[in-house]
Protein backbone atom coordinates (compact mmCIF):
# COMPACT_ATOMS: atom_id res chain seq x y z
CA MET A 1 8.65 -3.39 -0.28
CA ARG A 2 12.37 -3.50 0.37
CA PRO A 3 13.22 -0.69 -2.08
CA VAL A 4 10.55 1.51 -0.51
CA ALA A 5 11.82 0.77 2.99
CA GLY A 6 15.32 1.64 1.74
CA LEU A 7 14.03 4.92 0.35
CA LEU A 8 12.40 5.67 3.70
CA ALA A 9 15.63 4.94 5.58
CA LEU A 10 17.61 7.06 3.12
CA SER A 11 15.19 9.97 3.45
CA LEU A 12 15.27 9.84 7.24
CA ALA A 13 19.08 9.59 7.26
CA GLY A 14 19.28 12.56 4.91
CA LEU A 15 17.03 14.56 7.21
CA LEU A 16 19.21 13.76 10.22
CA ILE A 17 22.41 14.64 8.36
CA ALA A 18 20.89 17.89 7.11
CA ALA A 19 19.83 18.77 10.64
CA ALA A 20 23.30 17.98 12.01
CA LEU A 21 24.98 20.13 9.34
CA GLY A 22 22.47 22.94 9.64
CA CYS A 23 21.31 22.66 6.02
CA TRP A 24 17.73 23.75 6.54
CA GLN A 25 17.15 24.33 2.82
CA VAL A 26 16.90 20.57 2.11
CA TRP A 27 14.28 19.88 4.79
CA PRO A 28 11.27 20.12 2.41
CA LEU A 29 12.86 17.60 0.04
CA GLY A 30 13.60 15.15 2.86
CA VAL A 31 10.15 15.53 4.36
CA MET A 32 8.48 14.91 0.98
CA GLY A 33 10.62 11.82 0.35
CA THR A 34 9.77 10.47 3.78
CA LEU A 35 6.05 11.11 3.31
CA LEU A 36 6.09 9.48 -0.13
CA ALA A 37 7.82 6.35 1.17
CA LEU A 38 5.48 6.12 4.17
CA SER A 39 2.39 6.51 2.00
CA VAL A 40 3.49 3.64 -0.26
CA LEU A 41 4.21 1.43 2.77
CA VAL A 42 0.82 2.21 4.31
CA GLU A 43 -1.31 2.02 1.15
CA ARG A 44 -3.26 -1.26 1.09
CA ARG A 45 -3.19 -1.96 -2.62
CA TYR A 46 0.61 -2.28 -2.67
CA ARG A 47 0.80 -4.80 0.17
CA ARG A 48 1.10 -8.49 -0.44
CA ARG A 49 -2.20 -10.20 -0.05
CA PRO A 50 -2.39 -12.90 2.61
CA GLU A 51 -2.97 -16.41 1.40
CA LEU A 52 -6.70 -16.98 1.15
CA PRO A 53 -8.32 -20.35 1.77
CA GLU A 54 -9.28 -21.94 -1.52
CA THR A 55 -12.57 -23.47 -0.37
CA GLY A 56 -15.66 -21.95 1.18
CA TRP A 57 -15.82 -18.74 -0.87
CA GLU A 58 -19.22 -17.55 -2.05
CA PRO A 59 -19.83 -14.90 -4.71
CA THR A 60 -22.02 -11.98 -3.65
CA SER A 61 -24.24 -9.84 -5.84
CA GLU A 62 -21.83 -6.92 -5.43
CA LYS A 63 -19.89 -5.78 -8.49
CA PHE A 64 -18.03 -2.57 -9.17
CA LEU A 65 -15.73 -1.01 -11.74
CA ASP A 66 -12.11 -0.77 -10.61
CA GLU A 67 -11.04 2.63 -11.88
CA ASP A 68 -7.33 1.74 -11.76
CA THR A 69 -7.58 -1.30 -14.04
CA GLY A 70 -10.90 -0.67 -15.82
CA GLN A 71 -12.08 -4.18 -14.90
CA VAL A 72 -15.41 -5.15 -13.39
CA MET A 73 -14.70 -6.73 -10.00
CA GLN A 74 -16.83 -9.37 -8.26
CA VAL A 75 -16.97 -9.43 -4.46
CA TRP A 76 -16.51 -12.87 -2.84
CA TYR A 77 -17.23 -13.63 0.81
CA HIS A 78 -15.93 -16.37 3.11
CA PRO A 79 -18.54 -17.05 5.84
CA GLY A 80 -16.08 -18.95 8.04
CA THR A 81 -13.56 -16.11 8.35
CA GLY A 82 -15.64 -13.08 7.39
CA GLN A 83 -13.05 -12.09 4.78
CA ARG A 84 -13.97 -10.37 1.54
CA ASP A 85 -12.04 -10.76 -1.68
CA TYR A 86 -12.27 -8.78 -4.90
CA ARG A 87 -11.76 -10.78 -8.09
CA PRO A 88 -12.11 -9.86 -11.76
CA GLY A 89 -15.40 -11.05 -13.12
């Protein structure tokens, strides 16, 4: 995440410098870089997963095909916390 946060900071700094210098031609490039960095920071699949408790998980009957990896995923449920986890299987 640190490189993406650095890219976001660099894009925002570039936008501010361009605005201060009156270089309006580079605005679209700065805006696109900022939006790209923000989308990666916000997207769930790129975040670190919180540590899940090892005990108490129950498999459900739900399965689906993950289009990104091509693997069949099994849905697991933890009744104590209400969390759901998606594991290959």
